[in-house]
PDB file of N, CA and C in Angstrom:
ATOM      1  N   MET A   1       0.852  -1.176  -0.025  1.00  0.00           N
ATOM      2  CA  MET A   1      -0.039  -0.049   0.011  1.00  0.00           C
ATOM      3  C   MET A   1       0.872   1.169  -0.021  1.00  0.00           C
ATOM      4  N   GLY A   2       0.609   2.076  -0.981  1.00  0.00           N
ATOM      5  CA  GLY A   2       1.285   3.201  -1.040  1.00  0.00           C
ATOM      6  C   GLY A   2       0.587   4.367  -0.225  1.00  0.00           C
ATOM      7  N   PRO A   3       1.333   5.515  -0.413  1.00  0.00           N
ATOM      8  CA  PRO A   3       0.712   6.603   0.475  1.00  0.00           C
ATOM      9  C   PRO A   3      -0.694   7.078   0.080  1.00  0.00           C
ATOM     10  N   PRO A   4      -0.947   7.195  -1.453  1.00  0.00           N
ATOM     11  CA  PRO A   4      -2.318   7.421  -1.769  1.00  0.00           C
ATOM     12  C   PRO A   4      -3.446   6.627  -1.155  1.00  0.00           C
ATOM     13  N   ASN A   5      -2.944   5.290  -1.161  1.00  0.00           N
ATOM     14  CA  ASN A   5      -3.993   4.287  -0.669  1.00  0.00           C
ATOM     15  C   ASN A   5      -4.313   4.471   0.925  1.00  0.00           C
ATOM     16  N   LEU A   6      -3.243   4.916   1.556  1.00  0.00           N
ATOM     17  CA  LEU A   6      -3.426   5.103   3.014  1.00  0.00           C
ATOM     18  C   LEU A   6      -4.238   6.214   3.238  1.00  0.00           C
ATOM     19  N   ILE A   7      -4.145   7.236   2.435  1.00  0.00           N
ATOM     20  CA  ILE A   7      -4.978   8.513   2.620  1.00  0.00           C
ATOM     21  C   ILE A   7      -6.555   8.175   2.164  1.00  0.00           C
ATOM     22  N   LEU A   8      -6.472   7.598   1.010  1.00  0.00           N
ATOM     23  CA  LEU A   8      -7.904   7.499   0.420  1.00  0.00           C
ATOM     24  C   LEU A   8      -8.674   6.038   0.921  1.00  0.00           C
ATOM     25  N   GLY A   9      -7.923   5.261   1.537  1.00  0.00           N
ATOM     26  CA  GLY A   9      -8.541   3.915   1.989  1.00  0.00           C
ATOM     27  C   GLY A   9      -9.772   3.984   2.740  1.00  0.00           C
ATOM     28  N   PRO A  10      -9.936   4.901   3.747  1.00  0.00           N
ATOM     29  CA  PRO A  10     -11.176   4.984   4.396  1.00  0.00           C
ATOM     30  C   PRO A  10     -12.370   5.436   3.606  1.00  0.00           C
ATOM     31  N   ILE A  11     -11.984   6.477   2.803  1.00  0.00           N
ATOM     32  CA  ILE A  11     -12.964   7.075   1.824  1.00  0.00           C
ATOM     33  C   ILE A  11     -13.668   6.076   0.861  1.00  0.00           C
ATOM     34  N   ASN A  12     -12.700   5.150   0.338  1.00  0.00           N
ATOM     35  CA  ASN A  12     -12.990   4.148  -0.593  1.00  0.00           C
ATOM     36  C   ASN A  12     -14.001   3.016   0.187  1.00  0.00           C
ATOM     37  N   ILE A  13     -13.531   2.742   1.344  1.00  0.00           N
ATOM     38  CA  ILE A  13     -14.500   1.773   2.116  1.00  0.00           C
ATOM     39  C   ILE A  13     -15.909   2.325   2.333  1.00  0.00           C
ATOM     40  N   ALA A  14     -15.956   3.669   2.627  1.00  0.00           N
ATOM     41  CA  ALA A  14     -17.332   4.207   2.960  1.00  0.00           C
ATOM     42  C   ALA A  14     -18.047   4.437   1.543  1.00  0.00           C
ATOM     43  N   ARG A  15     -17.289   4.654   0.407  1.00  0.00           N
ATOM     44  CA  ARG A  15     -18.076   4.733  -0.879  1.00  0.00           C
ATOM     45  C   ARG A  15     -18.472   3.333  -1.503  1.00  0.00           C
ATOM     46  N   ARG A  16     -17.639   2.345  -1.225  1.00  0.00           N
ATOM     47  CA  ARG A  16     -17.736   1.097  -1.862  1.00  0.00           C
ATOM     48  C   ARG A  16     -19.301   0.557  -1.832  1.00  0.00           C
ATOM     49  N   PRO A  17     -20.132   0.609  -0.750  1.00  0.00           N
ATOM     50  CA  PRO A  17     -21.442  -0.028  -0.945  1.00  0.00           C
ATOM     51  C   PRO A  17     -22.425   0.753  -1.867  1.00  0.00           C
ATOM     52  N   PHE A  18     -22.127   2.008  -2.044  1.00  0.00           N
ATOM     53  CA  PHE A  18     -22.843   2.886  -2.865  1.00  0.00           C
ATOM     54  C   PHE A  18     -22.688   2.813  -4.291  1.00  0.00           C
ATOM     55  N   GLN A  19     -21.541   2.161  -4.666  1.00  0.00           N
ATOM     56  CA  GLN A  19     -21.146   2.252  -6.033  1.00  0.00           C
ATOM     57  C   GLN A  19     -22.101   1.265  -6.842  1.00  0.00           C
ATOM     58  N   ARG A  20     -22.389   1.612  -8.018  1.00  0.00           N
ATOM     59  CA  ARG A  20     -23.194   0.822  -8.922  1.00  0.00           C
ATOM     60  C   ARG A  20     -22.650  -0.438  -9.233  1.00  0.00           C
ATOM     61  N   LYS A  21     -23.495  -1.633  -9.095  1.00  0.00           N
ATOM     62  CA  LYS A  21     -22.972  -2.886  -9.465  1.00  0.00           C
ATOM     63  C   LYS A  21     -23.551  -3.280 -10.697  1.00  0.00           C
ATOM     64  N   ALA A  22     -22.747  -4.186 -11.493  1.00  0.00           N
ATOM     65  CA  ALA A  22     -23.150  -4.609 -12.804  1.00  0.00           C
ATOM     66  C   ALA A  22     -24.275  -5.657 -12.540  1.00  0.00           C
ATOM     67  N   ASN A  23     -25.321  -5.464 -13.285  1.00  0.00           N
ATOM     68  CA  ASN A  23     -26.424  -6.400 -13.157  1.00  0.00           C
ATOM     69  C   ASN A  23     -26.209  -7.371 -14.146  1.00  0.00           C
ATOM     70  N   ILE A  24     -26.307  -8.767 -13.685  1.00  0.00           N
ATOM     71  CA  ILE A  24     -26.175  -9.746 -14.629  1.00  0.00           C
ATOM     72  C   ILE A  24     -27.410 -10.555 -14.642  1.00  0.00           C
ATOM     73  N   LEU A  25     -28.134 -10.630 -15.697  1.00  0.00           N
ATOM     74  CA  LEU A  25     -29.398 -11.350 -15.749  1.00  0.00           C
ATOM     75  C   LEU A  25     -29.219 -12.598 -16.487  1.00  0.00           C
ATOM     76  N   PRO A  26     -29.489 -13.618 -16.054  1.00  0.00           N
ATOM     77  CA  PRO A  26     -29.274 -14.872 -16.665  1.00  0.00           C
ATOM     78  C   PRO A  26     -30.620 -15.279 -17.716  1.00  0.00           C
ATOM     79  N   VAL A  27     -30.654 -14.432 -18.609  1.00  0.00           N
ATOM     80  CA  VAL A  27     -31.700 -14.486 -19.574  1.00  0.00           C
ATOM     81  C   VAL A  27     -31.696 -15.878 -20.375  1.00  0.00           C
ATOM     82  N   GLU A  28     -30.585 -16.244 -20.571  1.00  0.00           N
ATOM     83  CA  GLU A  28     -30.553 -17.460 -21.376  1.00  0.00           C
ATOM     84  C   GLU A  28     -30.943 -18.721 -20.541  1.00  0.00           C
ATOM     85  N   ASP A  29     -30.684 -18.644 -19.270  1.00  0.00           N
ATOM     86  CA  ASP A  29     -31.128 -19.802 -18.399  1.00  0.00           C
ATOM     87  C   ASP A  29     -32.544 -19.763 -18.125  1.00  0.00           C
ATOM     88  N   VAL A  30     -33.039 -18.534 -18.127  1.00  0.00           N
ATOM     89  CA  VAL A  30     -34.486 -18.466 -17.874  1.00  0.00           C
ATOM     90  C   VAL A  30     -35.389 -18.856 -19.056  1.00  0.00           C
ATOM     91  N   THR A  31     -34.867 -18.556 -20.299  1.00  0.00           N
ATOM     92  CA  THR A  31     -35.640 -18.799 -21.463  1.00  0.00           C
ATOM     93  C   THR A  31     -35.507 -20.364 -21.605  1.00  0.00           C
ATOM     94  N   SER A  32     -34.377 -21.091 -21.503  1.00  0.00           N
ATOM     95  CA  SER A  32     -34.303 -22.541 -21.472  1.00  0.00           C
ATOM     96  C   SER A  32     -35.060 -23.094 -20.365  1.00  0.00           C
ATOM     97  N   LEU A  33     -35.324 -22.522 -19.269  1.00  0.00           N
ATOM     98  CA  LEU A  33     -36.251 -23.146 -18.244  1.00  0.00           C
ATOM     99  C   LEU A  33     -37.629 -22.994 -18.690  1.00  0.00           C
ATOM    100  N   CYS A  34     -37.960 -21.873 -19.173  1.00  0.00           N
ATOM    101  CA  CYS A  34     -39.297 -21.827 -19.682  1.00  0.00           C
ATOM    102  C   CYS A  34     -39.765 -22.712 -20.780  1.00  0.00           C
ATOM    103  N   GLN A  35     -38.709 -22.937 -21.703  1.00  0.00           N
ATOM    104  CA  GLN A  35     -38.936 -23.863 -22.946  1.00  0.00           C
ATOM    105  C   GLN A  35     -39.114 -25.300 -22.288  1.00  0.00           C
ATOM    106  N   THR A  36     -38.241 -25.606 -21.276  1.00  0.00           N
ATOM    107  CA  THR A  36     -38.327 -26.962 -20.769  1.00  0.00           C
ATOM    108  C   THR A  36     -39.727 -27.165 -19.965  1.00  0.00           C
ATOM    109  N   ILE A  37     -40.226 -26.185 -19.238  1.00  0.00           N
ATOM    110  CA  ILE A  37     -41.381 -26.189 -18.605  1.00  0.00           C
ATOM    111  C   ILE A  37     -42.554 -26.336 -19.552  1.00  0.00           C
ATOM    112  N   HIS A  38     -42.581 -25.588 -20.602  1.00  0.00           N
ATOM    113  CA  HIS A  38     -43.566 -25.645 -21.740  1.00  0.00           C
ATOM    114  C   HIS A  38     -43.619 -26.892 -22.347  1.00  0.00           C
ATOM    115  N   ARG A  39     -42.381 -27.440 -22.718  1.00  0.00           N
ATOM    116  CA  ARG A  39     -42.341 -28.773 -23.327  1.00  0.00           C
ATOM    117  C   ARG A  39     -43.068 -29.893 -22.568  1.00  0.00           C
ATOM    118  N   VAL A  40     -42.749 -29.907 -21.194  1.00  0.00           N
ATOM    119  CA  VAL A  40     -43.034 -30.836 -20.327  1.00  0.00           C
ATOM    120  C   VAL A  40     -44.638 -30.835 -20.118  1.00  0.00           C
ATOM    121  N   LEU A  41     -45.126 -29.520 -19.958  1.00  0.00           N
ATOM    122  CA  LEU A  41     -46.648 -29.196 -19.879  1.00  0.00           C
ATOM    123  C   LEU A  41     -47.479 -29.778 -21.099  1.00  0.00           C
ATOM    124  N   ARG A  42     -46.849 -29.533 -22.384  1.00  0.00           N
ATOM    125  CA  ARG A  42     -47.448 -29.950 -23.506  1.00  0.00           C
ATOM    126  C   ARG A  42     -47.400 -31.603 -23.577  1.00  0.00           C
ATOM    127  N   SER A  43     -46.402 -32.187 -23.035  1.00  0.00           N
ATOM    128  CA  SER A  43     -46.235 -33.692 -23.258  1.00  0.00           C
ATOM    129  C   SER A  43     -47.297 -34.304 -22.314  1.00  0.00           C
ATOM    130  N   GLN A  44     -47.437 -33.600 -21.147  1.00  0.00           N
ATOM    131  CA  GLN A  44     -48.346 -34.141 -20.107  1.00  0.00           C
ATOM    132  C   GLN A  44     -49.801 -33.685 -20.300  1.00  0.00           C
ATOM    133  N   GLU A  45     -50.040 -32.844 -21.178  1.00  0.00           N
ATOM    134  CA  GLU A  45     -51.371 -32.071 -21.363  1.00  0.00           C
ATOM    135  C   GLU A  45     -52.597 -33.170 -21.642  1.00  0.00           C
ATOM    136  N   GLU A  46     -52.234 -33.975 -22.574  1.00  0.00           N
ATOM    137  CA  GLU A  46     -53.146 -34.953 -23.006  1.00  0.00           C
ATOM    138  C   GLU A  46     -53.534 -35.907 -21.940  1.00  0.00           C
ATOM    139  N   SER A  47     -52.420 -36.573 -21.300  1.00  0.00           N
ATOM    140  CA  SER A  47     -52.714 -37.438 -20.075  1.00  0.00           C
ATOM    141  C   SER A  47     -53.480 -36.629 -18.972  1.00  0.00           C
ATOM    142  N   SER A  48     -53.299 -35.442 -18.793  1.00  0.00           N
ATOM    143  CA  SER A  48     -54.139 -34.721 -17.808  1.00  0.00           C
ATOM    144  C   SER A  48     -55.450 -34.628 -18.098  1.00  0.00           C
ATOM    145  N   PHE A  49     -55.724 -34.343 -19.292  1.00  0.00           N
ATOM    146  CA  PHE A  49     -57.064 -34.079 -19.995  1.00  0.00           C
ATOM    147  C   PHE A  49     -57.949 -35.530 -19.712  1.00  0.00           C
ATOM    148  N   GLN A  50     -57.143 -36.515 -20.138  1.00  0.00           N
ATOM    149  CA  GLN A  50     -57.793 -37.814 -20.013  1.00  0.00           C
ATOM    150  C   GLN A  50     -58.143 -38.239 -18.534  1.00  0.00           C
ATOM    151  N   GLU A  51     -57.167 -37.908 -17.537  1.00  0.00           N
ATOM    152  CA  GLU A  51     -57.447 -38.155 -16.183  1.00  0.00           C
ATOM    153  C   GLU A  51     -58.610 -37.236 -15.608  1.00  0.00           C
ATOM    154  N   PHE A  52     -58.827 -36.160 -16.130  1.00  0.00           N
ATOM    155  CA  PHE A  52     -59.766 -35.257 -15.806  1.00  0.00           C
ATOM    156  C   PHE A  52     -61.108 -35.708 -16.391  1.00  0.00           C
ATOM    157  N   ARG A  53     -61.140 -36.204 -17.619  1.00  0.00           N
ATOM    158  CA  ARG A  53     -62.379 -36.836 -18.185  1.00  0.00           C
ATOM    159  C   ARG A  53     -62.872 -38.030 -17.355  1.00  0.00           C
ATOM    160  N   LYS A  54     -61.912 -38.933 -16.967  1.00  0.00           N
ATOM    161  CA  LYS A  54     -62.186 -40.150 -16.257  1.00  0.00           C
ATOM    162  C   LYS A  54     -62.886 -39.641 -14.871  1.00  0.00           C
ATOM    163  N   GLU A  55     -62.207 -38.737 -14.401  1.00  0.00           N
ATOM    164  CA  GLU A  55     -62.804 -38.244 -12.970  1.00  0.00           C
ATOM    165  C   GLU A  55     -64.153 -37.677 -13.048  1.00  0.00           C
ATOM    166  N   ARG A  56     -64.413 -36.894 -14.148  1.00  0.00           N
ATOM    167  CA  ARG A  56     -65.642 -36.374 -14.399  1.00  0.00           C
ATOM    168  C   ARG A  56     -66.657 -37.440 -14.688  1.00  0.00           C
ATOM    169  N   LEU A  57     -66.217 -38.394 -15.487  1.00  0.00           N
ATOM    170  CA  LEU A  57     -67.269 -39.545 -15.871  1.00  0.00           C
ATOM    171  C   LEU A  57     -67.614 -40.184 -14.569  1.00  0.00           C
ATOM    172  N   LEU A  58     -66.479 -40.548 -13.744  1.00  0.00           N
ATOM    173  CA  LEU A  58     -66.891 -41.302 -12.437  1.00  0.00           C
ATOM    174  C   LEU A  58     -67.863 -40.401 -11.533  1.00  0.00           C
ATOM    175  N   LEU A  59     -67.637 -39.162 -11.614  1.00  0.00           N
ATOM    176  CA  LEU A  59     -68.513 -38.267 -10.752  1.00  0.00           C
ATOM    177  C   LEU A  59     -69.876 -38.281 -11.221  1.00  0.00           C
ATOM    178  N   GLU A  60     -70.068 -38.131 -12.563  1.00  0.00           N
ATOM    179  CA  GLU A  60     -71.386 -38.072 -13.138  1.00  0.00           C
ATOM    180  C   GLU A  60     -72.033 -39.583 -12.976  1.00  0.00           C
ATOM    181  N   MET A  61     -71.437 -40.599 -13.021  1.00  0.00           N
ATOM    182  CA  MET A  61     -71.836 -41.886 -12.852  1.00  0.00           C
ATOM    183  C   MET A  61     -72.425 -42.037 -11.293  1.00  0.00           C
ATOM    184  N   ALA A  62     -71.525 -41.566 -10.358  1.00  0.00           N
ATOM    185  CA  ALA A  62     -71.986 -41.630  -8.963  1.00  0.00           C
ATOM    186  C   ALA A  62     -73.143 -40.916  -8.746  1.00  0.00           C
ATOM    187  N   ARG A  63     -73.294 -39.696  -9.291  1.00  0.00           N
ATOM    188  CA  ARG A  63     -74.383 -38.771  -9.222  1.00  0.00           C
ATOM    189  C   ARG A  63     -75.555 -39.560  -9.787  1.00  0.00           C
ATOM    190  N   ASP A  64     -75.673 -40.025 -10.781  1.00  0.00           N
ATOM    191  CA  ASP A  64     -76.585 -40.818 -11.390  1.00  0.00           C
ATOM    192  C   ASP A  64     -77.116 -42.058 -10.644  1.00  0.00           C
ATOM    193  N   HIS A  65     -76.158 -42.692 -10.068  1.00  0.00           N
ATOM    194  CA  HIS A  65     -76.393 -43.866  -9.378  1.00  0.00           C
ATOM    195  C   HIS A  65     -77.145 -43.543  -7.966  1.00  0.00           C
ATOM    196  N   ALA A  66     -76.703 -42.331  -7.385  1.00  0.00           N
ATOM    197  CA  ALA A  66     -77.418 -41.800  -6.118  1.00  0.00           C
ATOM    198  C   ALA A  66     -78.774 -41.407  -6.444  1.00  0.00           C
ATOM    199  N   ALA A  67     -79.076 -40.726  -7.652  1.00  0.00           N
ATOM    200  CA  ALA A  67     -80.300 -40.379  -8.031  1.00  0.00           C
ATOM    201  C   ALA A  67     -81.276 -41.587  -8.321  1.00  0.00           C
ATOM    202  N   GLU A  68     -80.588 -42.603  -8.931  1.00  0.00           N
ATOM    203  CA  GLU A  68     -81.551 -43.760  -9.122  1.00  0.00           C
ATOM    204  C   GLU A  68     -81.931 -44.456  -7.896  1.00  0.00           C
ATOM    205  N   ALA A  69     -80.918 -44.521  -6.740  1.00  0.00           N
ATOM    206  CA  ALA A  69     -81.117 -45.203  -5.454  1.00  0.00           C
ATOM    207  C   ALA A  69     -82.214 -44.425  -4.871  1.00  0.00           C
ATOM    208  N   TYR A  70     -82.165 -43.047  -4.808  1.00  0.00           N
ATOM    209  CA  TYR A  70     -83.129 -41.962  -4.152  1.00  0.00           C
ATOM    210  C   TYR A  70     -84.635 -42.327  -4.759  1.00  0.00           C
ATOM    211  N   ALA A  71     -84.626 -42.403  -6.166  1.00  0.00           N
ATOM    212  CA  ALA A  71     -85.876 -42.547  -6.952  1.00  0.00           C
ATOM    213  C   ALA A  71     -86.500 -44.028  -6.403  1.00  0.00           C
ATOM    214  N   ILE A  72     -85.724 -45.139  -6.327  1.00  0.00           N
ATOM    215  CA  ILE A  72     -86.194 -46.323  -5.943  1.00  0.00           C
ATOM    216  C   ILE A  72     -86.689 -46.352  -4.461  1.00  0.00           C
ATOM    217  N   ARG A  73     -85.905 -45.654  -3.538  1.00  0.00           N
ATOM    218  CA  ARG A  73     -86.342 -45.393  -2.353  1.00  0.00           C
ATOM    219  C   ARG A  73     -87.719 -44.680  -2.166  1.00  0.00           C
ATOM    220  N   GLU A  74     -87.801 -43.574  -2.877  1.00  0.00           N
ATOM    221  CA  GLU A  74     -89.097 -42.815  -2.916  1.00  0.00           C
ATOM    222  C   GLU A  74     -90.218 -43.614  -3.400  1.00  0.00           C
ATOM    223  N   ALA A  75     -90.068 -44.487  -4.426  1.00  0.00           N
ATOM    224  CA  ALA A  75     -91.096 -45.412  -4.926  1.00  0.00           C
ATOM    225  C   ALA A  75     -91.376 -46.303  -4.085  1.00  0.00           C
ATOM    226  N   GLN A  76     -90.567 -47.014  -3.272  1.00  0.00           N
ATOM    227  CA  GLN A  76     -90.942 -47.936  -2.193  1.00  0.00           C
ATOM    228  C   GLN A  76     -91.640 -47.398  -1.073  1.00  0.00           C
ATOM    229  N   GLU A  77     -91.261 -46.172  -0.691  1.00  0.00           N
ATOM    230  CA  GLU A  77     -91.972 -45.498   0.353  1.00  0.00           C
ATOM    231  C   GLU A  77     -93.381 -45.036  -0.111  1.00  0.00           C
ATOM    232  N   LYS A  78     -93.599 -44.636  -1.315  1.00  0.00           N
ATOM    233  CA  LYS A  78     -94.809 -44.402  -1.822  1.00  0.00           C
ATOM    234  C   LYS A  78     -95.875 -45.552  -1.885  1.00  0.00           C
ATOM    235  N   ALA A  79     -95.283 -46.712  -2.273  1.00  0.00           N
ATOM    236  CA  ALA A  79     -95.801 -47.971  -2.420  1.00  0.00           C
ATOM    237  C   ALA A  79     -96.375 -48.468  -1.052  1.00  0.00           C
ATOM    238  N   LYS A  80     -95.454 -48.256  -0.176  1.00  0.00           N
ATOM    239  CA  LYS A  80     -95.972 -48.640   1.377  1.00  0.00           C
ATOM    240  C   LYS A  80     -97.059 -47.727   1.784  1.00  0.00           C
ATOM    241  N   SER A  81     -96.867 -46.368   1.454  1.00  0.00           N
ATOM    242  CA  SER A  81     -98.008 -45.551   1.938  1.00  0.00           C
ATOM    243  C   SER A  81     -99.403 -45.768   1.227  1.00  0.00           C
ATOM    244  N   LEU A  82     -99.306 -46.138  -0.235  1.00  0.00           N
ATOM    245  CA  LEU A  82    -100.374 -46.457  -0.897  1.00  0.00           C
ATOM    246  C   LEU A  82    -101.070 -47.742  -0.376  1.00  0.00           C
ATOM    247  N   SER A  83    -100.345 -48.736   0.051  1.00  0.00           N
ATOM    248  CA  SER A  83    -100.683 -50.058   0.443  1.00  0.00           C
ATOM    249  C   SER A  83    -101.359 -49.851   1.904  1.00  0.00           C
ATOM    250  N   ALA A  84    -100.752 -48.979   2.616  1.00  0.00           N
ATOM    251  CA  ALA A  84    -101.393 -48.730   3.995  1.00  0.00           C
ATOM    252  C   ALA A  84    -102.694 -47.883   3.791  1.00  0.00           C
ATOM    253  N   ALA A  85    -102.652 -47.045   2.710  1.00  0.00           N
ATOM    254  CA  ALA A  85    -104.014 -46.244   2.653  1.00  0.00           C
ATOM    255  C   ALA A  85    -105.120 -47.319   2.121  1.00  0.00           C
ATOM    256  N   ALA A  86    -104.674 -48.158   1.260  1.00  0.00           N
ATOM    257  CA  ALA A  86    -105.659 -49.082   0.705  1.00  0.00           C
ATOM    258  C   ALA A  86    -106.181 -50.035   1.816  1.00  0.00           C
ATOM    259  N   VAL A  87    -105.307 -50.522   2.732  1.00  0.00           N
ATOM    260  CA  VAL A  87    -105.781 -51.349   3.827  1.00  0.00           C
ATOM    261  C   VAL A  87    -106.538 -50.499   4.825  1.00  0.00           C
ATOM    262  N   GLY A  88    -106.216 -49.227   5.054  1.00  0.00           N
ATOM    263  CA  GLY A  88    -107.121 -48.445   5.935  1.00  0.00           C
ATOM    264  C   GLY A  88    -108.476 -48.178   5.209  1.00  0.00           C
ATOM    265  N   ALA A  89    -108.500 -48.034   4.052  1.00  0.00           N
ATOM    266  CA  ALA A  89    -109.853 -47.764   3.366  1.00  0.00           C
ATOM    267  C   ALA A  89    -110.679 -49.020   3.404  1.00  0.00           C
ATOM    268  N   SER A  90    -110.156 -50.003   3.107  1.00  0.00           N
ATOM    269  CA  SER A  90    -110.798 -51.328   3.292  1.00  0.00           C
ATOM    270  C   SER A  90    -111.434 -51.661   4.676  1.00  0.00           C
ATOM    271  N   VAL A  91    -110.587 -51.417   5.616  1.00  0.00           N
ATOM    272  CA  VAL A  91    -110.965 -51.675   6.930  1.00  0.00           C
ATOM    273  C   VAL A  91    -112.148 -50.838   7.373  1.00  0.00           C
ATOM    274  N   GLY A  92    -112.103 -49.510   6.875  1.00  0.00           N
ATOM    275  CA  GLY A  92    -113.040 -48.358   7.102  1.00  0.00           C
ATOM    276  C   GLY A  92    -114.346 -48.970   6.423  1.00  0.00           C
ATOM    277  N   ALA A  93    -114.089 -49.328   5.326  1.00  0.00           N
ATOM    278  CA  ALA A  93    -115.382 -49.916   4.459  1.00  0.00           C
ATOM    279  C   ALA A  93    -116.095 -50.874   5.331  1.00  0.00           C
ATOM    280  N   GLY A  94    -115.041 -51.843   5.651  1.00  0.00           N
ATOM    281  CA  GLY A  94    -115.668 -53.072   6.291  1.00  0.00           C
ATOM    282  C   GLY A  94    -116.447 -52.723   7.479  1.00  0.00           C
ATOM    283  N   ILE A  95    -115.793 -51.747   8.329  1.00  0.00           N
ATOM    284  CA  ILE A  95    -116.574 -51.440   9.605  1.00  0.00           C
ATOM    285  C   ILE A  95    -117.866 -50.537   9.321  1.00  0.00           C
ATOM    286  N   GLY A  96    -117.835 -49.839   8.234  1.00  0.00           N
ATOM    287  CA  GLY A  96    -118.994 -49.245   7.859  1.00  0.00           C
ATOM    288  C   GLY A  96    -120.237 -50.134   7.350  1.00  0.00           C
ATOM    289  N   VAL A  97    -119.772 -51.221   6.729  1.00  0.00           N
ATOM    290  CA  VAL A  97    -120.642 -52.156   6.182  1.00  0.00           C
ATOM    291  C   VAL A  97    -121.303 -52.923   7.431  1.00  0.00           C
ATOM    292  N   VAL A  98    -120.415 -53.208   8.441  1.00  0.00           N
ATOM    293  CA  VAL A  98    -120.861 -53.857   9.916  1.00  0.00           C
ATOM    294  C   VAL A  98    -121.814 -53.007  10.511  1.00  0.00           C
ATOM    295  N   LEU A  99    -121.445 -51.717  10.592  1.00  0.00           N
ATOM    296  CA  LEU A  99    -122.313 -50.925  11.312  1.00  0.00           C
ATOM    297  C   LEU A  99    -123.656 -50.737  10.650  1.00  0.00           C
ATOM    298  N   ALA A 100    -123.633 -50.557   9.204  1.00  0.00           N
ATOM    299  CA  ALA A 100    -124.967 -50.477   8.568  1.00  0.00           C
ATOM    300  C   ALA A 100    -125.826 -51.680   8.766  1.00  0.00           C
ATOM    301  N   VAL A 101    -125.224 -52.805   8.756  1.00  0.00           N
ATOM    302  CA  VAL A 101    -125.946 -54.114   9.186  1.00  0.00           C
ATOM    303  C   VAL A 101    -126.564 -54.095  10.364  1.00  0.00           C
ATOM    304  N   VAL A 102    -125.659 -53.779  11.440  1.00  0.00           N
ATOM    305  CA  VAL A 102    -126.097 -53.650  12.835  1.00  0.00           C
ATOM    306  C   VAL A 102    -127.177 -52.675  13.019  1.00  0.00           C
ATOM    307  N   MET A 103    -127.027 -51.573  12.437  1.00  0.00           N
ATOM    308  CA  MET A 103    -128.173 -50.455  12.612  1.00  0.00           C
ATOM    309  C   MET A 103    -129.283 -50.807  11.958  1.00  0.00           C
ATOM    310  N   GLY A 104    -129.272 -51.562  10.792  1.00  0.00           N
ATOM    311  CA  GLY A 104    -130.491 -52.113   9.986  1.00  0.00           C
ATOM    312  C   GLY A 104    -131.183 -53.056  10.720  1.00  0.00           C
ATOM    313  N   ALA A 105    -130.423 -53.959  11.640  1.00  0.00           N
ATOM    314  CA  ALA A 105    -130.990 -54.897  12.376  1.00  0.00           C
ATOM    315  C   ALA A 105    -131.653 -54.311  13.628  1.00  0.00           C
ATOM    316  N   ALA A 106    -131.057 -53.387  14.138  1.00  0.00           N
ATOM    317  CA  ALA A 106    -131.539 -52.788  15.435  1.00  0.00           C
ATOM    318  C   ALA A 106    -132.856 -51.924  14.983  1.00  0.00           C
ATOM    319  N   SER A 107    -132.879 -51.358  13.913  1.00  0.00           N
ATOM    320  CA  SER A 107    -134.034 -50.664  13.501  1.00  0.00           C
ATOM    321  C   SER A 107    -135.127 -51.755  13.089  1.00  0.00           C
ATOM    322  N   ALA A 108    -134.773 -52.788  12.533  1.00  0.00           N
ATOM    323  CA  ALA A 108    -135.968 -53.814  12.219  1.00  0.00           C
ATOM    324  C   ALA A 108    -136.443 -54.459  13.468  1.00  0.00           C
ATOM    325  N   LEU A 109    -135.750 -54.615  14.498  1.00  0.00           N
ATOM    326  CA  LEU A 109    -136.116 -55.213  15.741  1.00  0.00           C
ATOM    327  C   LEU A 109    -136.998 -54.220  16.406  1.00  0.00           C
ATOM    328  N   ARG A 110    -136.858 -52.953  16.254  1.00  0.00           N
ATOM    329  CA  ARG A 110    -137.691 -51.881  17.152  1.00  0.00           C
ATOM    330  C   ARG A 110    -139.124 -51.829  16.369  1.00  0.00           C
ATOM    331  N   LYS A 111    -139.299 -52.121  15.351  1.00  0.00           N
ATOM    332  CA  LYS A 111    -140.598 -51.997  14.633  1.00  0.00           C
ATOM    333  C   LYS A 111    -141.575 -53.075  15.065  1.00  0.00           C
ATOM    334  N   PRO A 112    -142.787 -52.733  15.354  1.00  0.00           N
ATOM    335  CA  PRO A 112    -143.552 -54.012  15.701  1.00  0.00           C
ATOM    336  C   PRO A 112    -144.273 -54.742  14.611  1.00  0.00           C
TER     337      PRO A 112
END
């Protein structure tokens, strides 16, 4: 170190962080990375679409199956309620006929 460096040394140390640094942008590396990513995406695009279609088809089939099961359950419940209504109506009609016969007999017995 010569005499000028001894005198200017502390000033250079204080000035060094504020000096403009050369910016190096790895443009070539970024473009090659982008090209690689796009190539991989294009190669896997068809298989991704096929997998998506399979999942969509399975989802629709499950939804249709659930709707069919619900419709069958509803039909069975309606059939049970209709048969219960039919049994109730026939019991009511039978009781009505029995009451009519009893009332007719009671009426006939009261007449002289």
